[in-house]
Amino acid sequence: MTAQQVRRALPETEPPADPVLPSKDELLAALRGHYLAGPLCREAHAIAELHRARRRLPARAAEFDRDRADLVRRIDGWARRNLPAPRAEARCHPDPLGAVIDRMAAASERAFDLLMTIDPGSDEMHAAWTTLAEQEIGYGELAAALESGWLALPSR
């Protein structure tokens, strides 16, 4: 069989589109400043930095929280402009994408801070890394559902 015959035998389908959202691994790397490709990763990293700054300078917490809220709004605006339209039968996720990323950034900052400051075998350490893993898995599932159109974000 020739290559041309093989191509003719394959079903006429479009190749899958490139994902719009970073993967959960890319987002986690972005939170640490190791992967900053695309606006979402850069905004996520900035949010993580603000969580870090808030922990180190609690007297300026209100300022950091305002800046974080602005970044969360920017992520939500990006999502409205760039994510594929949801299917008619799509379920609605309870939280905007920016809030999901903000929670993951907070969990990441806490887990990595504890890694540097307390006993790695402690219950507190275990709880922090479990929370981060849950956030990472949740984001991965959310990204897949949003890109496939089976989930919609709230219009806030």
Protein backbone atom coordinates (compact mmCIF):
# COMPACT_ATOMS: atom_id res chain seq x y z
CA MET A 1 0.00 0.00 0.00
CA THR A 2 1.35 3.43 -0.90
CA ALA A 3 1.35 6.48 1.37
CA GLN A 4 -1.31 8.05 -0.83
CA GLN A 5 -3.58 5.00 -0.41
CA VAL A 6 -3.07 5.11 3.35
CA ARG A 7 -4.03 8.79 3.46
CA ARG A 8 -7.17 8.09 1.41
CA ALA A 9 -8.15 5.27 3.79
CA LEU A 10 -7.93 7.51 6.85
CA PRO A 11 -11.12 9.27 7.94
CA GLU A 12 -11.43 12.91 6.97
CA THR A 13 -11.05 14.60 10.35
CA GLU A 14 -9.33 17.74 11.39
CA PRO A 15 -6.25 17.40 13.55
CA PRO A 16 -6.88 18.32 17.18
CA ALA A 17 -6.47 22.02 17.88
CA ASP A 18 -3.53 23.15 19.96
CA PRO A 19 -4.60 23.69 23.56
CA VAL A 20 -5.37 27.25 24.49
CA LEU A 21 -4.71 26.78 28.21
CA PRO A 22 -1.39 25.74 29.69
CA SER A 23 -1.27 22.19 31.00
CA LYS A 24 -1.35 21.65 34.76
CA ASP A 25 2.39 20.98 34.70
CA GLU A 26 3.09 24.14 32.69
CA LEU A 27 0.95 26.18 35.08
CA LEU A 28 2.71 24.75 38.13
CA ALA A 29 6.08 25.57 36.53
CA ALA A 30 4.81 29.08 35.74
CA LEU A 31 3.85 29.63 39.36
CA ARG A 32 7.50 29.03 40.28
CA GLY A 33 8.75 31.25 37.42
CA HIS A 34 10.11 28.41 35.30
CA TYR A 35 7.66 28.53 32.37
CA LEU A 36 6.35 31.90 31.30
CA ALA A 37 5.09 31.19 27.78
CA GLY A 38 1.87 33.06 27.11
CA PRO A 39 -0.11 35.64 29.03
CA LEU A 40 -1.83 33.18 31.36
CA CYS A 41 1.46 31.78 32.66
CA ARG A 42 2.90 35.27 33.15
CA GLU A 43 -0.20 36.43 35.04
CA ALA A 44 -0.21 33.25 37.16
CA HIS A 45 3.43 33.81 38.08
CA ALA A 46 2.68 37.41 39.05
CA ILE A 47 -0.16 36.19 41.29
CA ALA A 48 2.18 33.70 42.98
CA GLU A 49 4.72 36.47 43.54
CA LEU A 50 2.02 38.60 45.18
CA HIS A 51 1.09 35.72 47.49
CA ARG A 52 4.80 35.45 48.41
CA ALA A 53 5.09 39.20 48.99
CA ARG A 54 1.93 39.18 51.13
CA ARG A 55 3.42 36.48 53.37
CA ARG A 56 6.71 38.37 53.73
CA LEU A 57 5.18 41.85 54.16
CA PRO A 58 1.84 41.41 55.94
CA ALA A 59 1.51 45.16 56.61
CA ARG A 60 1.01 45.64 52.84
CA ALA A 61 -1.51 42.80 52.47
CA ALA A 62 -4.33 45.08 51.25
CA GLU A 63 -2.12 46.45 48.46
CA PHE A 64 -1.06 42.96 47.35
CA ASP A 65 -4.67 41.74 47.48
CA ARG A 66 -5.81 44.62 45.22
CA ASP A 67 -3.05 43.82 42.73
CA ARG A 68 -3.97 40.13 42.83
CA ALA A 69 -7.65 40.94 42.25
CA ASP A 70 -6.65 42.98 39.19
CA LEU A 71 -4.62 40.05 37.80
CA VAL A 72 -7.52 37.65 38.46
CA ARG A 73 -9.83 39.99 36.49
CA ARG A 74 -7.30 40.10 33.65
CA ILE A 75 -7.20 36.30 33.52
CA ASP A 76 -11.00 36.18 33.45
CA GLY A 77 -11.05 38.70 30.59
CA TRP A 78 -8.46 36.66 28.71
CA ALA A 79 -10.58 33.54 29.22
CA ARG A 80 -13.70 35.25 27.82
CA ARG A 81 -11.78 36.34 24.73
CA ASN A 82 -9.73 33.20 24.05
CA LEU A 83 -11.47 30.05 25.21
CA PRO A 84 -13.64 28.15 22.74
CA ALA A 85 -17.37 28.70 23.05
CA PRO A 86 -18.97 26.10 25.28
CA ARG A 87 -21.41 23.57 23.85
CA ALA A 88 -25.11 24.26 24.33
CA GLU A 89 -25.33 21.43 26.88
CA ALA A 90 -22.20 22.49 28.83
CA ARG A 91 -22.35 22.62 32.61
CA CYS A 92 -21.26 25.83 34.31
CA HIS A 93 -18.22 25.72 36.59
CA PRO A 94 -18.82 27.48 39.92
CA ASP A 95 -15.67 29.63 39.77
CA PRO A 96 -14.02 31.89 37.20
CA LEU A 97 -10.66 30.75 35.83
CA GLY A 98 -8.81 33.56 37.62
CA ALA A 99 -10.08 32.38 41.01
CA VAL A 100 -8.98 28.80 40.25
CA ILE A 101 -5.48 29.99 39.31
CA ASP A 102 -5.31 32.28 42.35
CA ARG A 103 -6.10 29.35 44.67
CA MET A 104 -3.49 27.19 42.95
CA ALA A 105 -0.94 30.01 43.29
CA ALA A 106 -1.72 30.34 47.00
CA ALA A 107 -1.37 26.57 47.52
CA SER A 108 1.91 26.52 45.58
CA GLU A 109 3.38 29.40 47.55
CA ARG A 110 2.39 27.79 50.86
CA ALA A 111 3.76 24.35 49.94
CA PHE A 112 7.10 25.67 48.70
CA ASP A 113 7.47 28.03 51.66
CA LEU A 114 6.89 25.19 54.10
CA LEU A 115 9.36 23.03 52.22
CA MET A 116 12.04 25.57 53.09
CA THR A 117 10.96 26.25 56.67
CA ILE A 118 9.58 23.20 58.50
CA ASP A 119 10.13 19.47 58.94
CA PRO A 120 9.35 17.80 55.60
CA GLY A 121 7.68 14.89 57.40
CA SER A 122 5.23 17.03 59.35
CA ASP A 123 1.46 16.80 59.06
CA GLU A 124 1.36 20.46 58.05
CA MET A 125 3.74 19.77 55.17
CA HIS A 126 1.70 16.78 54.05
CA ALA A 127 -1.51 18.82 54.15
CA ALA A 128 0.02 21.66 52.12
CA TRP A 129 1.33 19.37 49.39
CA THR A 130 -1.95 17.44 49.29
CA THR A 131 -3.81 20.71 48.80
CA LEU A 132 -1.48 21.72 45.99
CA ALA A 133 -1.90 18.33 44.30
CA GLU A 134 -5.70 18.64 44.54
CA GLN A 135 -5.56 22.14 43.05
CA GLU A 136 -3.30 20.95 40.23
CA ILE A 137 -5.56 18.00 39.36
CA GLY A 138 -8.64 20.23 39.53
CA TYR A 139 -7.07 22.76 37.18
CA GLY A 140 -6.07 20.01 34.73
CA GLU A 141 -9.62 18.66 34.65
CA LEU A 142 -11.05 22.16 34.30
CA ALA A 143 -8.71 23.02 31.41
CA ALA A 144 -9.64 19.84 29.52
CA ALA A 145 -13.37 20.41 30.03
CA LEU A 146 -13.16 24.07 28.98
CA GLU A 147 -11.17 23.29 25.84
CA SER A 148 -13.56 20.50 24.83
CA GLY A 149 -16.55 22.78 25.39
CA TRP A 150 -18.18 20.57 28.03
CA LEU A 151 -17.80 23.19 30.73
CA ALA A 152 -18.53 26.90 30.76
CA LEU A 153 -17.19 29.55 33.10
CA PRO A 154 -19.54 31.81 35.06
CA SER A 155 -20.11 35.21 33.51
CA ARG A 156 -19.06 37.43 36.40
